[in-house]
Amino acid sequence: MAHDTPLIFVVGVLGNIASFICYLAPVPTFYRVCTKKTTGGFQSVPYVAALFCSMLWIFYAYIKKGEILIITINSFGCLIETVYLAIYLTYSPKKAKMFTLKLIFLFNLGGIFLIILLTHVLAKERTARLEILGWICVVLSTSVFVAPLSIIKVVIRTKSVEFMPLPLSVLLTISAIMWMTYGILLRDIYVTLPNIVGITFGTIQMVLYAMYRKQKPVNDQKLPEHKGDINDIENEVSAVVTNNEKKEVTPAQTVAIEIGDDGKKKEEKQVQDEPEKKQNQTEHNNSNKTRELEGIKLQQQKEG
């Protein structure tokens, strides 16, 4: 077996436990989906990508032989991601459902079949086949770890960690540390490299949490939990910031600030009050009518 020492086995088991918890992180979200019977507008891309990645690692472990711990955790990953996608397809709108089915057929069926075919055609020896497959796994796993860049950008712009929970960031970092150590002990560069990237981005997330944990969000709206909504989040945040920065001054309320010789600021406000204008005009008209009536009475008395 590949993990022929107790240390490698223990590290692999710890990596399985950490990854197992990370796979269960979206369970509350899908519980709400089942309760409300709607997906709420989030995208299925992360779950399709996670399923595709798990399938590739199982194939890699199968070619390498003896990698039981990689097979176990990625088998669970395939199972849980399939459940997530099944729930998504059940409660998503027709357009999102068709898009998800296209992704599944393109990547999880066509993509896997194409990779298996190419590795057998381009590489006749197991070592060369393992090298091609290993680099494919590195690229895909690195892409998954780079995905939090979007939420990091939002955290920096809003100066709030409301949408980046610390427990999940810590768990992802621990999982990456365990699998990086496992890869180093096995001298497997394909397992080691993507987890170095995972540790880097996990550390960045924890540093940002320490920096902005006491900051209040730009607005009171809670942001969606899925990276497919990050672009919408950024647009909403930009709109809120723009509205806060631009305060319109109406013609009825013009404010001029003058600085005198004594260096003090004086504010001069010109306020046009339409109701008061109307009232003054009415009083003026009534006064004119009263004067006219008095003039008519006086004239009548003189004539009498």
Protein backbone atom coordinates (compact mmCIF):
# COMPACT_ATOMS: atom_id res chain seq x y z
CA MET A 1 0.00 0.00 0.00
CA ALA A 2 1.08 3.60 -0.58
CA HIS A 3 0.49 4.57 3.06
CA ASP A 4 2.77 1.89 4.49
CA THR A 5 3.75 3.87 7.61
CA PRO A 6 1.49 4.81 10.55
CA LEU A 7 2.26 8.53 10.14
CA ILE A 8 1.10 8.63 6.51
CA PHE A 9 -2.05 6.71 7.39
CA VAL A 10 -2.90 9.02 10.34
CA VAL A 11 -2.37 12.15 8.24
CA GLY A 12 -4.53 10.69 5.47
CA VAL A 13 -7.32 9.87 7.93
CA LEU A 14 -7.18 13.42 9.36
CA GLY A 15 -7.39 14.75 5.81
CA ASN A 16 -10.45 12.57 5.21
CA ILE A 17 -12.16 13.90 8.35
CA ALA A 18 -11.46 17.57 7.49
CA SER A 19 -12.61 17.12 3.89
CA PHE A 20 -15.70 15.22 5.07
CA ILE A 21 -16.78 18.20 7.20
CA CYS A 22 -16.08 20.62 4.32
CA TYR A 23 -18.27 18.54 2.01
CA LEU A 24 -21.12 18.83 4.53
CA ALA A 25 -20.87 22.64 4.75
CA PRO A 26 -23.68 23.30 2.17
CA VAL A 27 -26.17 21.03 4.00
CA PRO A 28 -27.97 23.96 5.77
CA THR A 29 -28.34 25.72 2.42
CA PHE A 30 -29.95 22.71 0.76
CA TYR A 31 -32.12 22.15 3.81
CA ARG A 32 -33.54 25.64 3.24
CA VAL A 33 -33.96 24.82 -0.45
CA CYS A 34 -36.06 21.76 0.44
CA THR A 35 -38.05 23.73 3.01
CA LYS A 36 -38.80 26.70 0.72
CA LYS A 37 -38.96 24.53 -2.42
CA THR A 38 -36.81 27.00 -4.36
CA THR A 39 -33.10 27.33 -5.08
CA GLY A 40 -33.19 31.04 -4.39
CA GLY A 41 -31.25 31.97 -7.53
CA PHE A 42 -27.83 30.51 -6.74
CA GLN A 43 -25.89 28.59 -9.37
CA SER A 44 -25.02 24.91 -9.64
CA VAL A 45 -21.56 25.41 -11.17
CA PRO A 46 -19.59 24.86 -7.88
CA TYR A 47 -21.29 21.49 -7.31
CA VAL A 48 -20.77 20.31 -10.88
CA ALA A 49 -17.09 21.30 -10.64
CA ALA A 50 -16.67 19.57 -7.25
CA LEU A 51 -18.24 16.37 -8.61
CA PHE A 52 -15.99 16.48 -11.69
CA CYS A 53 -12.90 17.00 -9.52
CA SER A 54 -13.79 14.10 -7.18
CA MET A 55 -14.32 11.76 -10.14
CA LEU A 56 -10.91 12.65 -11.56
CA TRP A 57 -9.13 12.04 -8.24
CA ILE A 58 -10.78 8.62 -7.97
CA PHE A 59 -9.50 7.80 -11.46
CA TYR A 60 -6.03 9.07 -10.49
CA ALA A 61 -5.99 6.96 -7.31
CA TYR A 62 -7.17 3.93 -9.30
CA ILE A 63 -4.32 4.33 -11.84
CA LYS A 64 -1.72 4.90 -9.11
CA LYS A 65 -2.97 1.91 -7.09
CA GLY A 66 -3.00 1.63 -3.32
CA GLU A 67 -4.45 5.10 -2.64
CA ILE A 68 -7.40 3.93 -0.57
CA LEU A 69 -7.66 7.15 1.46
CA ILE A 70 -7.94 9.31 -1.67
CA ILE A 71 -10.59 6.96 -3.04
CA THR A 72 -12.65 6.98 0.19
CA ILE A 73 -12.98 10.75 0.58
CA ASN A 74 -13.57 11.41 -3.11
CA SER A 75 -16.17 8.63 -3.25
CA PHE A 76 -18.03 10.41 -0.47
CA GLY A 77 -17.53 13.66 -2.42
CA CYS A 78 -19.16 12.13 -5.50
CA LEU A 79 -22.07 10.88 -3.39
CA ILE A 80 -22.80 14.14 -1.56
CA GLU A 81 -22.35 16.33 -4.66
CA THR A 82 -24.75 14.07 -6.56
CA VAL A 83 -27.31 14.53 -3.77
CA TYR A 84 -26.82 18.33 -3.89
CA LEU A 85 -27.30 18.37 -7.66
CA ALA A 86 -30.38 16.16 -7.43
CA ILE A 87 -31.96 18.61 -4.96
CA TYR A 88 -30.96 21.52 -7.16
CA LEU A 89 -32.51 19.95 -10.24
CA THR A 90 -35.70 19.24 -8.30
CA TYR A 91 -36.34 22.80 -7.14
CA SER A 92 -34.55 24.99 -9.70
CA PRO A 93 -36.34 26.95 -12.47
CA LYS A 94 -36.54 25.36 -15.92
CA LYS A 95 -33.79 27.52 -17.43
CA ALA A 96 -31.34 26.81 -14.57
CA LYS A 97 -32.28 23.13 -14.68
CA MET A 98 -31.46 22.82 -18.38
CA PHE A 99 -28.18 24.68 -17.90
CA THR A 100 -27.19 22.33 -15.05
CA LEU A 101 -28.04 19.22 -17.07
CA LYS A 102 -25.89 20.52 -19.94
CA LEU A 103 -22.96 21.03 -17.54
CA ILE A 104 -23.36 17.53 -16.11
CA PHE A 105 -23.41 15.90 -19.53
CA LEU A 106 -20.53 18.07 -20.75
CA PHE A 107 -18.15 17.62 -17.81
CA ASN A 108 -19.22 14.72 -15.61
CA LEU A 109 -19.99 12.40 -18.51
CA GLY A 110 -18.32 13.69 -21.68
CA GLY A 111 -15.32 15.24 -19.91
CA ILE A 112 -14.47 12.15 -17.86
CA PHE A 113 -14.89 9.85 -20.85
CA LEU A 114 -12.63 12.08 -22.98
CA ILE A 115 -9.91 12.22 -20.30
CA ILE A 116 -9.95 8.44 -19.84
CA LEU A 117 -9.74 7.96 -23.60
CA LEU A 118 -6.91 10.46 -24.08
CA THR A 119 -4.80 9.11 -21.21
CA HIS A 120 -5.02 5.63 -22.67
CA VAL A 121 -4.33 6.78 -26.24
CA LEU A 122 -1.54 9.31 -25.55
CA ALA A 123 0.21 7.31 -22.83
CA LYS A 124 0.73 3.60 -23.13
CA GLU A 125 2.77 3.23 -19.92
CA ARG A 126 1.20 3.66 -16.49
CA THR A 127 3.82 6.22 -15.38
CA ALA A 128 3.16 8.54 -18.34
CA ARG A 129 -0.59 8.08 -17.96
CA LEU A 130 -0.31 8.97 -14.28
CA GLU A 131 1.69 12.10 -15.10
CA ILE A 132 -0.89 13.41 -17.60
CA LEU A 133 -3.77 12.65 -15.28
CA GLY A 134 -1.92 14.13 -12.29
CA TRP A 135 -1.41 17.51 -13.97
CA ILE A 136 -5.05 17.62 -15.03
CA CYS A 137 -6.03 17.06 -11.39
CA VAL A 138 -3.60 19.79 -10.26
CA VAL A 139 -5.11 22.35 -12.64
CA LEU A 140 -8.71 21.54 -11.64
CA SER A 141 -8.01 21.42 -7.90
CA THR A 142 -6.10 24.70 -8.08
CA SER A 143 -9.06 26.29 -9.87
CA VAL A 144 -11.36 25.16 -7.04
CA PHE A 145 -9.03 26.71 -4.44
CA VAL A 146 -8.75 29.96 -6.43
CA ALA A 147 -12.55 30.33 -6.51
CA PRO A 148 -12.65 32.23 -3.13
CA LEU A 149 -10.87 35.15 -4.83
CA SER A 150 -14.31 36.56 -5.65
CA ILE A 151 -15.51 36.55 -2.04
CA ILE A 152 -12.14 37.95 -0.90
CA LYS A 153 -12.64 40.85 -3.28
CA VAL A 154 -16.10 41.50 -1.85
CA VAL A 155 -14.78 41.37 1.73
CA ILE A 156 -12.09 43.96 0.93
CA ARG A 157 -14.58 46.29 -0.78
CA THR A 158 -17.28 46.06 1.89
CA LYS A 159 -14.85 45.74 4.84
CA SER A 160 -17.12 43.07 6.29
CA VAL A 161 -16.63 39.34 6.92
CA GLU A 162 -20.37 38.68 7.23
CA PHE A 163 -20.26 36.58 4.08
CA MET A 164 -16.96 34.76 4.84
CA PRO A 165 -17.52 32.52 7.91
CA LEU A 166 -14.34 31.84 9.88
CA PRO A 167 -15.07 28.15 10.74
CA LEU A 168 -15.29 27.18 7.06
CA SER A 169 -12.08 29.06 6.21
CA VAL A 170 -10.27 27.32 9.09
CA LEU A 171 -11.59 23.89 8.06
CA LEU A 172 -10.55 24.38 4.44
CA THR A 173 -7.07 25.46 5.56
CA ILE A 174 -6.71 22.48 7.91
CA SER A 175 -7.85 20.13 5.17
CA ALA A 176 -5.30 21.63 2.75
CA ILE A 177 -2.53 21.29 5.38
CA MET A 178 -3.38 17.63 5.97
CA TRP A 179 -3.43 16.75 2.27
CA MET A 180 -0.27 18.76 1.55
CA THR A 181 1.51 16.86 4.34
CA TYR A 182 0.11 13.60 2.97
CA GLY A 183 1.43 14.45 -0.50
CA ILE A 184 4.88 15.40 0.86
CA LEU A 185 5.15 12.16 2.85
CA LEU A 186 4.18 10.18 -0.26
CA ARG A 187 6.41 12.39 -2.44
CA ASP A 188 3.40 12.97 -4.66
CA ILE A 189 3.70 16.39 -6.30
CA TYR A 190 0.19 16.19 -7.77
CA VAL A 191 -1.39 15.95 -4.31
CA THR A 192 0.99 18.51 -2.79
CA LEU A 193 0.81 21.43 -5.27
CA PRO A 194 -2.92 22.32 -5.23
CA ASN A 195 -3.01 22.16 -1.44
CA ILE A 196 -0.19 24.70 -1.19
CA VAL A 197 -2.50 27.06 -3.10
CA GLY A 198 -5.34 26.09 -0.75
CA ILE A 199 -3.25 26.94 2.33
CA THR A 200 -2.29 30.30 0.80
CA PHE A 201 -5.87 31.39 0.13
CA GLY A 202 -7.10 29.98 3.44
CA THR A 203 -4.49 32.03 5.28
CA ILE A 204 -5.50 35.16 3.34
CA GLN A 205 -9.13 34.62 4.35
CA MET A 206 -8.22 34.27 8.04
CA VAL A 207 -6.04 37.40 7.93
CA LEU A 208 -8.91 39.35 6.34
CA TYR A 209 -11.24 38.03 9.03
CA ALA A 210 -8.87 39.32 11.73
CA MET A 211 -8.71 42.73 9.98
CA TYR A 212 -12.42 43.26 9.37
CA ARG A 213 -14.15 41.17 12.06
CA LYS A 214 -15.33 44.27 13.96
CA GLN A 215 -16.38 46.22 10.87
CA LYS A 216 -20.02 46.65 9.95
CA PRO A 217 -21.16 45.77 6.42
CA VAL A 218 -21.84 48.48 3.85
CA ASN A 219 -25.52 47.59 3.83
CA ASP A 220 -27.78 45.43 5.94
CA GLN A 221 -28.53 42.89 3.23
CA LYS A 222 -27.08 39.44 3.70
CA LEU A 223 -25.17 38.18 0.73
CA PRO A 224 -25.78 34.83 -0.98
CA GLU A 225 -23.63 31.90 -0.02
CA HIS A 226 -22.58 30.85 -3.48
CA LYS A 227 -19.90 32.19 -5.72
CA GLY A 228 -22.25 32.28 -8.68
CA ASP A 229 -23.92 35.32 -7.06
CA ILE A 230 -20.72 37.25 -6.37
CA ASN A 231 -21.05 39.47 -9.46
CA ASP A 232 -24.55 40.48 -8.38
CA ILE A 233 -23.21 41.14 -4.89
CA GLU A 234 -20.50 43.44 -6.21
CA ASN A 235 -23.02 45.38 -8.31
CA GLU A 236 -25.29 45.85 -5.31
CA VAL A 237 -22.39 46.99 -3.11
CA SER A 238 -21.22 49.46 -5.77
CA ALA A 239 -24.73 50.90 -6.04
CA VAL A 240 -24.97 51.34 -2.27
CA VAL A 241 -21.56 53.00 -2.03
CA THR A 242 -22.38 55.32 -4.94
CA ASN A 243 -25.68 56.33 -3.39
CA ASN A 244 -23.98 57.05 -0.08
CA GLU A 245 -21.30 59.17 -1.71
CA LYS A 246 -23.65 61.17 -3.98
CA LYS A 247 -26.13 63.20 -1.98
CA GLU A 248 -28.39 65.18 -4.28
CA VAL A 249 -29.15 68.81 -3.41
CA THR A 250 -32.53 69.99 -4.66
CA PRO A 251 -33.09 73.54 -5.92
CA ALA A 252 -35.35 74.12 -2.93
CA GLN A 253 -32.46 73.52 -0.53
CA THR A 254 -29.29 75.27 -1.69
CA VAL A 255 -26.52 75.60 0.87
CA ALA A 256 -23.62 78.01 0.47
CA ILE A 257 -20.63 78.01 2.84
CA GLU A 258 -18.57 81.12 3.33
CA ILE A 259 -15.34 81.46 5.33
CA GLY A 260 -14.92 84.85 7.11
CA ASP A 261 -11.80 86.71 8.23
CA ASP A 262 -11.97 85.02 11.63
CA GLY A 263 -11.68 81.60 9.94
CA LYS A 264 -15.10 80.42 11.05
CA LYS A 265 -17.54 78.79 8.67
CA LYS A 266 -20.96 80.35 8.21
CA GLU A 267 -23.83 78.52 6.63
CA GLU A 268 -26.43 80.36 4.63
CA LYS A 269 -29.53 78.37 3.77
CA GLN A 270 -32.08 79.38 1.21
CA VAL A 271 -35.21 77.30 1.59
CA GLN A 272 -38.19 77.73 -0.66
CA ASP A 273 -41.33 76.64 1.09
CA GLU A 274 -44.16 76.20 -1.37
CA PRO A 275 -46.95 75.78 1.23
CA GLU A 276 -45.92 79.02 2.97
CA LYS A 277 -45.88 80.86 -0.38
CA LYS A 278 -49.41 79.72 -1.13
CA GLN A 279 -50.60 80.73 2.32
CA ASN A 280 -49.03 84.20 2.03
CA GLN A 281 -50.59 84.67 -1.41
CA THR A 282 -54.01 83.69 -0.05
CA GLU A 283 -53.71 86.13 2.85
CA HIS A 284 -52.66 88.90 0.44
CA ASN A 285 -55.67 88.22 -1.80
CA ASN A 286 -58.04 88.20 1.18
CA SER A 287 -56.58 91.49 2.38
CA ASN A 288 -57.15 93.08 -1.05
CA LYS A 289 -60.76 91.87 -1.13
CA THR A 290 -61.37 93.29 2.35
CA ARG A 291 -60.03 96.66 1.28
CA GLU A 292 -62.25 96.66 -1.82
CA LEU A 293 -65.35 95.86 0.26
CA GLU A 294 -64.55 98.64 2.72
CA GLY A 295 -64.07 101.07 -0.20
CA ILE A 296 -67.49 100.12 -1.66
CA LYS A 297 -69.20 100.63 1.75
CA LEU A 298 -67.63 104.06 2.18
CA GLN A 299 -68.72 105.08 -1.32
CA GLN A 300 -72.27 103.90 -0.63
CA GLN A 301 -72.40 105.91 2.64
CA LYS A 302 -71.27 109.06 0.85
CA GLU A 303 -73.89 108.59 -1.86
CA GLY A 304 -76.58 107.96 0.76
